N, C-alpha and C. Protein backbone atom coordinates (compact mmCIF):
# COMPACT_ATOMS: atom_id res chain seq x y z
N MET A 1 105.74 141.80 54.98
CA MET A 1 104.53 141.02 54.65
C MET A 1 103.73 140.80 55.92
N LEU A 2 102.47 141.07 55.86
CA LEU A 2 101.61 140.89 57.02
C LEU A 2 100.96 139.53 56.96
N TYR A 3 100.94 138.82 58.12
CA TYR A 3 100.32 137.51 58.20
C TYR A 3 98.92 137.66 58.77
N SER A 4 98.04 136.88 58.23
CA SER A 4 96.66 136.93 58.70
C SER A 4 96.55 136.19 60.03
N TRP A 5 95.51 136.50 60.77
CA TRP A 5 95.22 135.80 62.03
C TRP A 5 95.02 134.32 61.79
N GLU A 6 94.38 134.00 60.67
CA GLU A 6 94.13 132.60 60.35
C GLU A 6 95.45 131.85 60.13
N TYR A 7 96.42 132.52 59.44
CA TYR A 7 97.71 131.88 59.18
C TYR A 7 98.46 131.62 60.50
N ALA A 8 98.49 132.61 61.38
CA ALA A 8 99.19 132.48 62.66
C ALA A 8 98.62 131.34 63.49
N CYS A 9 97.29 131.27 63.51
CA CYS A 9 96.64 130.19 64.28
C CYS A 9 96.98 128.84 63.69
N GLY A 10 97.12 128.81 62.38
CA GLY A 10 97.43 127.54 61.74
C GLY A 10 98.82 127.04 62.07
N GLN A 11 99.74 127.95 62.46
CA GLN A 11 101.11 127.55 62.80
C GLN A 11 101.27 127.15 64.26
N LEU A 12 100.25 127.38 65.06
CA LEU A 12 100.36 127.09 66.50
C LEU A 12 100.73 125.63 66.80
N PRO A 13 100.10 124.64 66.18
CA PRO A 13 100.48 123.25 66.47
C PRO A 13 101.95 122.97 66.19
N PHE A 14 102.50 123.58 65.13
CA PHE A 14 103.90 123.38 64.79
C PHE A 14 104.81 123.92 65.90
N PHE A 15 104.56 125.18 66.33
CA PHE A 15 105.37 125.78 67.38
C PHE A 15 105.21 125.06 68.71
N THR A 16 103.99 124.57 68.97
CA THR A 16 103.75 123.81 70.21
C THR A 16 104.56 122.54 70.23
N SER A 17 104.63 121.85 69.10
CA SER A 17 105.40 120.60 69.03
C SER A 17 106.88 120.86 69.22
N ILE A 18 107.39 121.97 68.61
CA ILE A 18 108.80 122.33 68.80
C ILE A 18 109.09 122.62 70.27
N LEU A 19 108.18 123.37 70.89
CA LEU A 19 108.34 123.71 72.31
C LEU A 19 108.36 122.45 73.17
N ASN A 20 107.52 121.48 72.85
CA ASN A 20 107.47 120.23 73.62
C ASN A 20 108.77 119.45 73.48
N VAL A 21 109.34 119.45 72.27
CA VAL A 21 110.61 118.75 72.06
C VAL A 21 111.71 119.40 72.89
N ILE A 22 111.76 120.73 72.85
CA ILE A 22 112.78 121.46 73.62
C ILE A 22 112.62 121.17 75.11
N ARG A 23 111.36 121.20 75.57
CA ARG A 23 111.09 120.95 77.00
C ARG A 23 111.53 119.54 77.40
N SER A 24 111.22 118.54 76.55
CA SER A 24 111.56 117.17 76.88
C SER A 24 113.07 116.96 76.89
N ARG A 25 113.79 117.60 75.92
CA ARG A 25 115.25 117.49 75.89
C ARG A 25 115.86 118.11 77.14
N PHE A 26 115.33 119.26 77.52
CA PHE A 26 115.84 119.95 78.71
C PHE A 26 115.62 119.11 79.95
N THR A 27 114.43 118.49 80.06
CA THR A 27 114.11 117.67 81.22
C THR A 27 115.04 116.47 81.31
N VAL A 28 115.30 115.81 80.19
CA VAL A 28 116.19 114.66 80.18
C VAL A 28 117.59 115.07 80.63
N ASN A 29 118.10 116.19 80.06
CA ASN A 29 119.45 116.64 80.42
C ASN A 29 119.51 117.07 81.88
N PHE A 30 118.46 117.76 82.33
CA PHE A 30 118.42 118.19 83.73
C PHE A 30 118.45 117.00 84.66
N ASN A 31 117.64 115.96 84.36
CA ASN A 31 117.61 114.77 85.20
C ASN A 31 118.94 114.03 85.16
N PHE A 32 119.60 114.04 83.98
CA PHE A 32 120.91 113.38 83.87
C PHE A 32 121.91 114.02 84.82
N PHE A 33 121.99 115.37 84.79
CA PHE A 33 122.95 116.06 85.65
C PHE A 33 122.54 115.99 87.11
N LYS A 34 121.22 115.96 87.36
CA LYS A 34 120.74 115.82 88.74
C LYS A 34 121.19 114.48 89.31
N ASN A 35 121.05 113.39 88.52
CA ASN A 35 121.46 112.07 88.99
C ASN A 35 122.97 111.95 89.07
N LEU A 36 123.67 112.66 88.16
CA LEU A 36 125.12 112.59 88.13
C LEU A 36 125.71 113.10 89.44
N PHE A 37 125.13 114.17 89.99
CA PHE A 37 125.67 114.78 91.19
C PHE A 37 124.89 114.39 92.45
N LYS A 38 123.99 113.44 92.32
CA LYS A 38 123.20 112.99 93.47
C LYS A 38 124.11 112.27 94.48
N LYS A 39 123.95 112.60 95.74
CA LYS A 39 124.72 111.95 96.79
C LYS A 39 124.28 110.50 96.93
N PRO A 40 125.21 109.52 96.86
CA PRO A 40 124.81 108.11 96.93
C PRO A 40 124.27 107.75 98.31
N ASP A 41 123.38 106.76 98.34
CA ASP A 41 122.84 106.28 99.61
C ASP A 41 123.97 105.67 100.44
N ARG A 42 123.99 106.01 101.71
CA ARG A 42 125.05 105.53 102.60
C ARG A 42 124.71 104.16 103.20
N MET A 43 125.70 103.27 103.20
CA MET A 43 125.62 102.01 103.92
C MET A 43 126.76 102.00 104.94
N ILE A 44 126.54 101.26 106.02
CA ILE A 44 127.59 101.11 107.04
C ILE A 44 127.71 99.64 107.40
N ALA A 45 128.96 99.12 107.36
CA ALA A 45 129.25 97.77 107.83
C ALA A 45 129.78 97.87 109.25
N LEU A 46 129.15 97.15 110.17
CA LEU A 46 129.36 97.38 111.61
C LEU A 46 129.78 96.11 112.34
N ASP A 47 130.67 96.29 113.33
CA ASP A 47 130.94 95.22 114.29
C ASP A 47 131.38 95.85 115.61
N VAL A 48 131.05 95.17 116.72
CA VAL A 48 131.47 95.63 118.04
C VAL A 48 132.08 94.48 118.81
N GLU A 49 132.96 94.82 119.74
CA GLU A 49 133.46 93.88 120.74
C GLU A 49 133.02 94.38 122.11
N LEU A 50 132.75 93.45 123.03
CA LEU A 50 132.11 93.78 124.30
C LEU A 50 132.98 93.41 125.49
N ASP A 51 132.60 93.97 126.65
CA ASP A 51 133.32 93.62 127.88
C ASP A 51 132.80 92.31 128.48
N GLY A 52 131.65 91.83 128.00
CA GLY A 52 131.12 90.53 128.45
C GLY A 52 130.44 90.57 129.80
N ASN A 53 130.25 91.75 130.37
CA ASN A 53 129.56 91.86 131.66
C ASN A 53 128.06 92.05 131.43
N HIS A 54 127.32 92.18 132.53
CA HIS A 54 125.86 92.35 132.43
C HIS A 54 125.47 93.65 133.13
N PRO A 55 124.96 94.64 132.39
CA PRO A 55 124.80 94.63 130.93
C PRO A 55 126.14 94.84 130.23
N SER A 56 126.27 94.32 129.03
CA SER A 56 127.53 94.43 128.30
C SER A 56 127.73 95.84 127.78
N ARG A 57 128.99 96.25 127.79
CA ARG A 57 129.37 97.56 127.24
C ARG A 57 130.25 97.36 126.01
N VAL A 58 130.13 98.26 125.08
CA VAL A 58 130.97 98.22 123.88
C VAL A 58 132.35 98.74 124.23
N ILE A 59 133.38 97.93 123.95
CA ILE A 59 134.75 98.38 124.19
C ILE A 59 135.49 98.67 122.88
N GLN A 60 135.04 98.07 121.78
CA GLN A 60 135.58 98.40 120.46
C GLN A 60 134.43 98.54 119.48
N LEU A 61 134.41 99.64 118.78
CA LEU A 61 133.39 99.91 117.77
C LEU A 61 134.11 100.19 116.45
N SER A 62 133.80 99.38 115.45
CA SER A 62 134.41 99.56 114.14
C SER A 62 133.33 99.57 113.08
N TYR A 63 133.47 100.47 112.12
CA TYR A 63 132.51 100.46 111.01
C TYR A 63 133.12 101.05 109.75
N LEU A 64 132.63 100.53 108.63
CA LEU A 64 132.98 101.04 107.32
C LEU A 64 131.85 101.94 106.85
N ILE A 65 132.17 103.13 106.42
CA ILE A 65 131.20 104.04 105.83
C ILE A 65 131.30 103.90 104.32
N ILE A 66 130.23 103.44 103.70
CA ILE A 66 130.23 103.19 102.26
C ILE A 66 129.31 104.20 101.59
N ASP A 67 129.92 105.14 100.90
CA ASP A 67 129.18 106.15 100.14
C ASP A 67 129.46 105.91 98.66
N GLY A 68 128.59 105.13 98.02
CA GLY A 68 128.84 104.76 96.63
C GLY A 68 130.09 103.90 96.55
N ARG A 69 131.07 104.33 95.77
CA ARG A 69 132.32 103.57 95.63
C ARG A 69 133.37 103.97 96.66
N LYS A 70 133.06 104.97 97.44
CA LYS A 70 134.00 105.45 98.46
C LYS A 70 133.79 104.69 99.76
N VAL A 71 134.84 104.04 100.26
CA VAL A 71 134.77 103.27 101.51
C VAL A 71 135.85 103.81 102.46
N ARG A 72 135.44 104.12 103.67
CA ARG A 72 136.42 104.56 104.68
C ARG A 72 136.04 103.95 106.03
N GLY A 73 137.05 103.64 106.80
CA GLY A 73 136.83 102.96 108.06
C GLY A 73 137.04 103.85 109.27
N LYS A 74 136.30 103.54 110.33
CA LYS A 74 136.51 104.19 111.63
C LYS A 74 136.59 103.11 112.69
N ASN A 75 137.50 103.32 113.63
CA ASN A 75 137.71 102.35 114.71
C ASN A 75 137.91 103.11 116.01
N MET A 76 137.17 102.69 117.05
CA MET A 76 137.23 103.39 118.34
C MET A 76 137.26 102.37 119.48
N TYR A 77 137.97 102.72 120.54
CA TYR A 77 137.99 101.92 121.76
C TYR A 77 137.44 102.77 122.90
N PHE A 78 136.71 102.11 123.81
CA PHE A 78 136.11 102.83 124.93
C PHE A 78 136.50 102.15 126.24
N MET A 79 136.89 102.95 127.20
CA MET A 79 137.42 102.46 128.47
C MET A 79 136.32 101.88 129.36
N VAL A 80 136.59 100.71 129.93
CA VAL A 80 135.78 100.14 131.01
C VAL A 80 136.76 99.67 132.08
N HIS A 81 136.23 99.32 133.25
CA HIS A 81 137.12 98.96 134.36
C HIS A 81 137.17 97.46 134.63
N ARG A 82 136.34 96.69 133.90
CA ARG A 82 136.38 95.24 134.08
C ARG A 82 135.95 94.56 132.79
N ILE A 83 136.69 93.52 132.40
CA ILE A 83 136.36 92.72 131.22
C ILE A 83 136.22 91.26 131.64
N ASN A 84 135.08 90.69 131.31
CA ASN A 84 134.84 89.28 131.62
C ASN A 84 135.90 88.40 130.95
N HIS A 85 136.40 87.40 131.68
CA HIS A 85 137.50 86.60 131.14
C HIS A 85 137.09 85.80 129.92
N HIS A 86 135.82 85.42 129.81
CA HIS A 86 135.35 84.71 128.61
C HIS A 86 135.41 85.63 127.40
N ALA A 87 134.99 86.88 127.58
CA ALA A 87 135.05 87.85 126.49
C ALA A 87 136.50 88.12 126.09
N ARG A 88 137.37 88.19 127.09
CA ARG A 88 138.78 88.46 126.80
C ARG A 88 139.38 87.32 125.97
N LYS A 89 138.97 86.10 126.24
CA LYS A 89 139.48 84.97 125.46
C LYS A 89 139.09 85.09 123.99
N VAL A 90 137.94 85.72 123.73
CA VAL A 90 137.47 85.87 122.34
C VAL A 90 138.24 86.97 121.63
N HIS A 91 138.26 88.17 122.20
CA HIS A 91 138.86 89.30 121.47
C HIS A 91 140.29 89.64 121.91
N GLY A 92 140.72 89.12 123.05
CA GLY A 92 142.11 89.29 123.47
C GLY A 92 142.44 90.65 124.03
N ILE A 93 141.44 91.45 124.40
CA ILE A 93 141.69 92.80 124.91
C ILE A 93 141.59 92.79 126.44
N SER A 94 142.64 93.23 127.10
CA SER A 94 142.63 93.33 128.56
C SER A 94 142.31 94.77 128.96
N VAL A 95 142.04 94.98 130.24
CA VAL A 95 141.74 96.32 130.73
C VAL A 95 142.95 97.24 130.54
N SER A 96 144.14 96.73 130.81
CA SER A 96 145.35 97.57 130.66
C SER A 96 145.57 97.93 129.19
N GLN A 97 145.35 96.98 128.29
CA GLN A 97 145.47 97.28 126.86
C GLN A 97 144.42 98.30 126.43
N LEU A 98 143.20 98.12 126.95
CA LEU A 98 142.10 99.01 126.59
C LEU A 98 142.36 100.43 127.07
N ARG A 99 142.97 100.56 128.23
CA ARG A 99 143.29 101.89 128.76
C ARG A 99 144.20 102.63 127.78
N LYS A 100 145.16 101.90 127.25
CA LYS A 100 146.10 102.51 126.30
C LYS A 100 145.42 102.77 124.95
N LEU A 101 144.67 101.80 124.46
CA LEU A 101 144.03 101.92 123.15
C LEU A 101 142.98 103.03 123.12
N SER A 102 142.25 103.17 124.22
CA SER A 102 141.15 104.15 124.27
C SER A 102 141.63 105.55 124.63
N GLY A 103 142.82 105.62 125.25
CA GLY A 103 143.28 106.91 125.74
C GLY A 103 142.39 107.44 126.84
N GLY A 104 141.65 106.53 127.49
CA GLY A 104 140.75 106.93 128.57
C GLY A 104 139.38 107.41 128.10
N GLU A 105 139.15 107.40 126.79
CA GLU A 105 137.86 107.85 126.26
C GLU A 105 136.76 106.85 126.56
N VAL A 106 135.55 107.36 126.78
CA VAL A 106 134.36 106.53 126.90
C VAL A 106 133.43 106.88 125.73
N PHE A 107 132.36 106.11 125.60
CA PHE A 107 131.47 106.27 124.44
C PHE A 107 130.97 107.70 124.28
N ALA A 108 130.63 108.33 125.37
CA ALA A 108 130.06 109.68 125.31
C ALA A 108 130.98 110.69 124.62
N HIS A 109 132.29 110.44 124.69
CA HIS A 109 133.25 111.36 124.07
C HIS A 109 133.13 111.37 122.55
N ARG A 110 132.68 110.24 121.97
CA ARG A 110 132.61 110.15 120.50
C ARG A 110 131.17 110.05 120.00
N ALA A 111 130.22 110.20 120.89
CA ALA A 111 128.81 109.94 120.54
C ALA A 111 128.31 110.84 119.41
N ASP A 112 128.64 112.12 119.44
CA ASP A 112 128.18 113.05 118.40
C ASP A 112 128.70 112.62 117.03
N GLU A 113 129.96 112.28 116.98
CA GLU A 113 130.58 111.85 115.72
C GLU A 113 129.91 110.59 115.18
N ILE A 114 129.68 109.63 116.07
CA ILE A 114 129.06 108.37 115.66
C ILE A 114 127.63 108.61 115.18
N TYR A 115 126.88 109.39 115.92
CA TYR A 115 125.50 109.68 115.54
C TYR A 115 125.44 110.33 114.17
N ASN A 116 126.31 111.29 113.91
CA ASN A 116 126.32 111.97 112.62
C ASN A 116 126.67 111.03 111.47
N ASP A 117 127.51 110.04 111.74
CA ASP A 117 127.84 109.05 110.71
C ASP A 117 126.64 108.16 110.38
N PHE A 118 125.84 107.84 111.41
CA PHE A 118 124.75 106.88 111.23
C PHE A 118 123.41 107.51 110.85
N LYS A 119 123.22 108.78 111.12
CA LYS A 119 121.88 109.36 111.01
C LYS A 119 121.31 109.32 109.60
N ASP A 120 122.16 109.39 108.57
CA ASP A 120 121.68 109.35 107.19
C ASP A 120 121.92 108.00 106.52
N CYS A 121 122.30 107.01 107.31
CA CYS A 121 122.57 105.68 106.77
C CYS A 121 121.28 105.00 106.34
N LYS A 122 121.31 104.33 105.20
CA LYS A 122 120.13 103.63 104.67
C LYS A 122 120.15 102.14 104.95
N LEU A 123 121.34 101.58 105.29
CA LEU A 123 121.44 100.14 105.52
C LEU A 123 122.67 99.86 106.38
N ILE A 124 122.48 99.02 107.42
CA ILE A 124 123.60 98.57 108.26
C ILE A 124 123.86 97.10 107.96
N ILE A 125 125.11 96.79 107.64
CA ILE A 125 125.53 95.44 107.26
C ILE A 125 126.36 94.84 108.39
N GLY A 126 126.17 93.56 108.64
CA GLY A 126 127.00 92.90 109.64
C GLY A 126 126.63 91.44 109.77
N HIS A 127 127.48 90.70 110.51
CA HIS A 127 127.22 89.28 110.75
C HIS A 127 126.53 89.16 112.10
N ASP A 128 125.28 88.71 112.09
CA ASP A 128 124.42 88.77 113.28
C ASP A 128 124.30 90.22 113.73
N VAL A 129 124.02 91.07 112.77
CA VAL A 129 124.09 92.52 112.96
C VAL A 129 123.05 93.04 113.95
N GLY A 130 121.96 92.31 114.13
CA GLY A 130 120.94 92.76 115.07
C GLY A 130 121.50 92.96 116.47
N GLY A 131 122.38 92.07 116.90
CA GLY A 131 123.00 92.19 118.21
C GLY A 131 123.90 93.41 118.30
N ASP A 132 124.69 93.65 117.25
CA ASP A 132 125.59 94.81 117.24
C ASP A 132 124.79 96.11 117.33
N VAL A 133 123.69 96.18 116.59
CA VAL A 133 122.86 97.39 116.61
C VAL A 133 122.24 97.59 117.99
N ARG A 134 121.80 96.51 118.63
CA ARG A 134 121.22 96.63 119.99
C ARG A 134 122.24 97.20 120.97
N TYR A 135 123.46 96.70 120.92
CA TYR A 135 124.49 97.20 121.84
C TYR A 135 124.83 98.65 121.55
N LEU A 136 124.85 99.03 120.27
CA LEU A 136 125.11 100.42 119.91
C LEU A 136 123.98 101.32 120.41
N LYS A 137 122.74 100.89 120.22
CA LYS A 137 121.60 101.67 120.69
C LYS A 137 121.61 101.80 122.22
N ALA A 138 122.04 100.74 122.90
CA ALA A 138 122.09 100.78 124.37
C ALA A 138 123.10 101.82 124.84
N GLU A 139 124.23 101.92 124.13
CA GLU A 139 125.22 102.94 124.50
C GLU A 139 124.64 104.35 124.32
N PHE A 140 123.92 104.56 123.25
CA PHE A 140 123.29 105.87 123.04
C PHE A 140 122.22 106.13 124.11
N ALA A 141 121.46 105.10 124.46
CA ALA A 141 120.39 105.26 125.45
C ALA A 141 120.96 105.69 126.80
N ARG A 142 122.16 105.24 127.12
CA ARG A 142 122.77 105.59 128.41
C ARG A 142 123.07 107.08 128.52
N ILE A 143 123.19 107.74 127.38
CA ILE A 143 123.45 109.19 127.41
C ILE A 143 122.20 109.96 126.96
N GLY A 144 121.06 109.27 126.91
CA GLY A 144 119.79 109.93 126.61
C GLY A 144 119.56 110.24 125.14
N VAL A 145 120.18 109.48 124.25
CA VAL A 145 120.03 109.71 122.81
C VAL A 145 119.43 108.47 122.17
N GLN A 146 118.48 108.67 121.26
CA GLN A 146 117.86 107.56 120.54
C GLN A 146 118.40 107.49 119.12
N LEU A 147 119.05 106.40 118.79
CA LEU A 147 119.52 106.19 117.42
C LEU A 147 118.33 105.77 116.56
N PRO A 148 118.15 106.37 115.38
CA PRO A 148 117.00 106.02 114.53
C PRO A 148 117.05 104.55 114.13
N ASP A 149 115.87 103.99 113.87
CA ASP A 149 115.80 102.62 113.33
C ASP A 149 116.28 102.63 111.88
N ILE A 150 117.21 101.75 111.58
CA ILE A 150 117.80 101.67 110.24
C ILE A 150 117.71 100.23 109.75
N PRO A 151 117.28 100.01 108.51
CA PRO A 151 117.23 98.64 107.98
C PRO A 151 118.60 97.96 108.05
N THR A 152 118.58 96.63 108.22
CA THR A 152 119.83 95.88 108.35
C THR A 152 119.92 94.78 107.29
N PHE A 153 121.15 94.38 107.01
CA PHE A 153 121.44 93.24 106.14
C PHE A 153 122.33 92.32 106.95
N CYS A 154 121.77 91.18 107.37
CA CYS A 154 122.49 90.24 108.22
C CYS A 154 123.08 89.12 107.37
N THR A 155 124.40 89.06 107.29
CA THR A 155 125.04 88.02 106.47
C THR A 155 124.84 86.63 107.08
N LEU A 156 124.68 86.54 108.39
CA LEU A 156 124.43 85.25 109.02
C LEU A 156 123.10 84.67 108.55
N LYS A 157 122.05 85.49 108.58
CA LYS A 157 120.73 85.01 108.17
C LYS A 157 120.60 84.90 106.65
N GLN A 158 121.17 85.87 105.95
CA GLN A 158 121.00 85.94 104.51
C GLN A 158 121.64 84.76 103.79
N TYR A 159 122.76 84.26 104.33
CA TYR A 159 123.53 83.25 103.60
C TYR A 159 123.57 81.88 104.28
N THR A 160 122.63 81.62 105.18
CA THR A 160 122.56 80.28 105.79
C THR A 160 122.34 79.22 104.72
N LYS A 161 121.40 79.46 103.84
CA LYS A 161 121.12 78.50 102.76
C LYS A 161 122.27 78.42 101.78
N GLU A 162 122.86 79.57 101.49
CA GLU A 162 123.98 79.64 100.55
C GLU A 162 125.18 78.84 101.06
N ALA A 163 125.50 78.98 102.36
CA ALA A 163 126.65 78.27 102.93
C ALA A 163 126.40 76.77 103.01
N ASN A 164 125.13 76.39 103.25
CA ASN A 164 124.71 74.98 103.19
C ASN A 164 125.52 74.10 104.14
N ILE A 165 125.55 74.48 105.42
CA ILE A 165 126.26 73.70 106.43
C ILE A 165 125.22 72.99 107.31
N PRO A 166 125.11 71.67 107.23
CA PRO A 166 124.11 70.97 108.04
C PRO A 166 124.51 70.89 109.51
N LEU A 167 123.51 70.91 110.38
CA LEU A 167 123.75 70.69 111.80
C LEU A 167 124.24 69.26 112.02
N LYS A 168 125.22 69.10 112.90
CA LYS A 168 125.71 67.75 113.19
C LYS A 168 124.62 66.91 113.85
N GLN A 169 123.83 67.54 114.73
CA GLN A 169 122.79 66.82 115.45
C GLN A 169 121.61 66.46 114.54
N ASN A 170 121.41 67.27 113.51
CA ASN A 170 120.28 67.04 112.59
C ASN A 170 120.68 67.51 111.19
N PRO A 171 121.22 66.62 110.38
CA PRO A 171 121.71 66.98 109.05
C PRO A 171 120.65 67.55 108.12
N ASN A 172 119.39 67.39 108.46
CA ASN A 172 118.32 67.93 107.62
C ASN A 172 118.09 69.43 107.86
N VAL A 173 118.76 69.97 108.88
CA VAL A 173 118.61 71.38 109.22
C VAL A 173 119.95 72.09 108.97
N LEU A 174 119.88 73.26 108.36
CA LEU A 174 121.10 74.03 108.10
C LEU A 174 121.42 74.93 109.30
N LYS A 175 122.69 74.99 109.65
CA LYS A 175 123.09 75.85 110.76
C LYS A 175 123.55 77.20 110.22
N PRO A 176 123.25 78.28 110.95
CA PRO A 176 123.76 79.59 110.53
C PRO A 176 125.28 79.57 110.54
N PRO A 177 125.93 80.02 109.49
CA PRO A 177 127.39 79.93 109.41
C PRO A 177 128.09 80.94 110.31
N ARG A 178 129.19 80.52 110.93
CA ARG A 178 130.07 81.48 111.58
C ARG A 178 130.69 82.36 110.50
N LEU A 179 131.17 83.52 110.90
CA LEU A 179 131.73 84.45 109.92
C LEU A 179 132.92 83.81 109.19
N GLY A 180 133.75 83.08 109.91
CA GLY A 180 134.89 82.41 109.28
C GLY A 180 134.45 81.37 108.27
N GLU A 181 133.38 80.65 108.58
CA GLU A 181 132.85 79.67 107.63
C GLU A 181 132.31 80.34 106.38
N LEU A 182 131.71 81.51 106.56
CA LEU A 182 131.13 82.22 105.42
C LEU A 182 132.21 82.81 104.52
N THR A 183 133.25 83.38 105.13
CA THR A 183 134.34 83.92 104.30
C THR A 183 135.02 82.79 103.53
N GLU A 184 135.17 81.63 104.15
CA GLU A 184 135.75 80.49 103.46
C GLU A 184 134.86 80.05 102.30
N HIS A 185 133.56 80.02 102.54
CA HIS A 185 132.61 79.64 101.48
C HIS A 185 132.73 80.57 100.27
N PHE A 186 132.91 81.86 100.53
CA PHE A 186 132.98 82.84 99.44
C PHE A 186 134.41 83.02 98.90
N GLY A 187 135.37 82.23 99.41
CA GLY A 187 136.73 82.29 98.90
C GLY A 187 137.49 83.53 99.34
N LEU A 188 137.10 84.10 100.48
CA LEU A 188 137.78 85.29 101.00
C LEU A 188 138.81 84.86 102.04
N THR A 189 140.07 84.99 101.72
CA THR A 189 141.12 84.55 102.63
C THR A 189 141.37 85.59 103.71
N GLN A 190 141.97 85.14 104.81
CA GLN A 190 142.29 86.07 105.90
C GLN A 190 143.27 87.14 105.42
N GLU A 191 144.20 86.75 104.57
CA GLU A 191 145.17 87.71 104.05
C GLU A 191 144.49 88.79 103.22
N PHE A 192 143.52 88.38 102.39
CA PHE A 192 142.81 89.34 101.55
C PHE A 192 142.01 90.32 102.41
N ILE A 193 141.31 89.80 103.41
CA ILE A 193 140.51 90.67 104.29
C ILE A 193 141.42 91.59 105.08
N ALA A 194 142.55 91.08 105.56
CA ALA A 194 143.50 91.90 106.31
C ALA A 194 144.05 93.03 105.44
N ASP A 195 144.30 92.74 104.17
CA ASP A 195 144.78 93.78 103.25
C ASP A 195 143.74 94.89 103.10
N LYS A 196 142.47 94.51 103.02
CA LYS A 196 141.41 95.51 102.92
C LYS A 196 141.32 96.32 104.21
N CYS A 197 141.49 95.65 105.35
CA CYS A 197 141.47 96.38 106.64
C CYS A 197 142.61 97.39 106.71
N ALA A 198 143.78 96.99 106.21
CA ALA A 198 144.92 97.91 106.21
C ALA A 198 144.61 99.14 105.36
N LYS A 199 143.92 98.92 104.25
CA LYS A 199 143.56 100.02 103.36
C LYS A 199 142.50 100.92 103.98
N TRP A 200 141.48 100.31 104.57
CA TRP A 200 140.33 101.08 105.06
C TRP A 200 140.53 101.64 106.47
N TYR A 201 141.24 100.87 107.32
CA TYR A 201 141.39 101.28 108.73
C TYR A 201 142.83 101.63 109.11
N GLY A 202 143.77 101.03 108.38
CA GLY A 202 145.16 101.13 108.81
C GLY A 202 145.56 100.03 109.76
N GLY A 203 144.73 98.98 109.88
CA GLY A 203 145.02 97.85 110.76
C GLY A 203 143.80 96.97 110.94
N GLY A 204 144.00 95.86 111.70
CA GLY A 204 142.91 94.92 111.95
C GLY A 204 143.06 93.68 111.10
N ASP A 205 143.98 92.78 111.50
CA ASP A 205 144.36 91.69 110.61
C ASP A 205 143.88 90.31 111.04
N HIS A 206 142.97 90.23 112.02
CA HIS A 206 142.57 88.90 112.48
C HIS A 206 141.09 88.90 112.95
N PRO A 207 140.45 87.73 112.89
CA PRO A 207 139.06 87.62 113.36
C PRO A 207 138.92 88.04 114.82
N HIS A 208 137.76 88.57 115.15
CA HIS A 208 137.39 89.06 116.48
C HIS A 208 138.05 90.39 116.83
N ASP A 209 138.80 90.94 115.88
CA ASP A 209 139.06 92.38 115.91
C ASP A 209 137.88 92.98 115.16
N ALA A 210 137.20 93.93 115.75
CA ALA A 210 135.96 94.45 115.15
C ALA A 210 136.19 95.01 113.75
N ARG A 211 137.37 95.53 113.50
CA ARG A 211 137.69 96.04 112.17
C ARG A 211 137.63 94.91 111.15
N TYR A 212 138.26 93.82 111.48
CA TYR A 212 138.30 92.65 110.59
C TYR A 212 136.90 92.11 110.35
N ASP A 213 136.12 91.95 111.41
CA ASP A 213 134.80 91.34 111.29
C ASP A 213 133.83 92.21 110.49
N ALA A 214 133.91 93.54 110.67
CA ALA A 214 133.06 94.43 109.89
C ALA A 214 133.42 94.36 108.41
N ALA A 215 134.73 94.37 108.12
CA ALA A 215 135.18 94.28 106.73
C ALA A 215 134.81 92.95 106.11
N ALA A 216 134.95 91.86 106.88
CA ALA A 216 134.63 90.54 106.37
C ALA A 216 133.14 90.43 106.02
N ALA A 217 132.27 90.96 106.87
CA ALA A 217 130.83 90.93 106.60
C ALA A 217 130.50 91.72 105.34
N TYR A 218 131.11 92.89 105.20
CA TYR A 218 130.87 93.71 104.00
C TYR A 218 131.33 92.99 102.74
N LEU A 219 132.50 92.37 102.78
CA LEU A 219 133.01 91.67 101.61
C LEU A 219 132.16 90.44 101.28
N CYS A 220 131.65 89.77 102.31
CA CYS A 220 130.73 88.65 102.07
C CYS A 220 129.48 89.12 101.35
N MET A 221 128.93 90.25 101.77
CA MET A 221 127.75 90.79 101.10
C MET A 221 128.06 91.15 99.65
N MET A 222 129.22 91.75 99.43
CA MET A 222 129.59 92.15 98.07
C MET A 222 129.69 90.95 97.15
N VAL A 223 130.32 89.87 97.64
CA VAL A 223 130.44 88.66 96.83
C VAL A 223 129.09 87.97 96.70
N GLY A 224 128.38 87.86 97.82
CA GLY A 224 127.09 87.16 97.82
C GLY A 224 126.04 87.82 96.94
N GLU A 225 126.09 89.13 96.83
CA GLU A 225 125.11 89.86 96.02
C GLU A 225 125.63 90.18 94.62
N GLY A 226 126.80 89.61 94.28
CA GLY A 226 127.34 89.79 92.94
C GLY A 226 127.84 91.17 92.64
N LYS A 227 128.28 91.90 93.67
CA LYS A 227 128.75 93.28 93.48
C LYS A 227 130.27 93.38 93.46
N ALA A 228 130.96 92.27 93.78
CA ALA A 228 132.42 92.31 93.84
C ALA A 228 133.02 92.04 92.46
């Protein structure tokens, strides 16, 4: 049976609508699979310990790499020849201990690895994280490398109102919480944080170990933002 030109033209809207439905279904499915296999945005929870000299050098660098639901920790020590006694009282690391922990490595030995971990990061998390980032950038600057500017999430600033701790000198003003005060506020025990450090790093069970402090800041953010 032969169809007239008029009949064929009359069927065009029908075929066009079918084609549009097929196209829209394909687009939805394509976008679904595209999002399914999309690489999650990377976040890093960071903390450093310093030698306490002027200018200060990083002697312990710890960070959690958070890629979606996958969390893994890295911890590094870097050799220096003198540690200020005030700094040592805080973190408890002596030069002789550092020599053993670092294996004699300095920052430059691990710089490529660190840079590659941070270069695609979308957010750096930490307690008073601005200072940690400055010290990290200073280490890179010493070897002629510029670390890109990355947005930060500071648990100290973000949760001052949440922690609601008044200054003793002026009760009408809230003081920025210490990390220990913030973990207590959010119900995060030292044992719980230490267990997470054991899982993510293989160690780091006390405050002022950079592993512990980075993990504690990350967990505070998770609880504070309702993600835990």
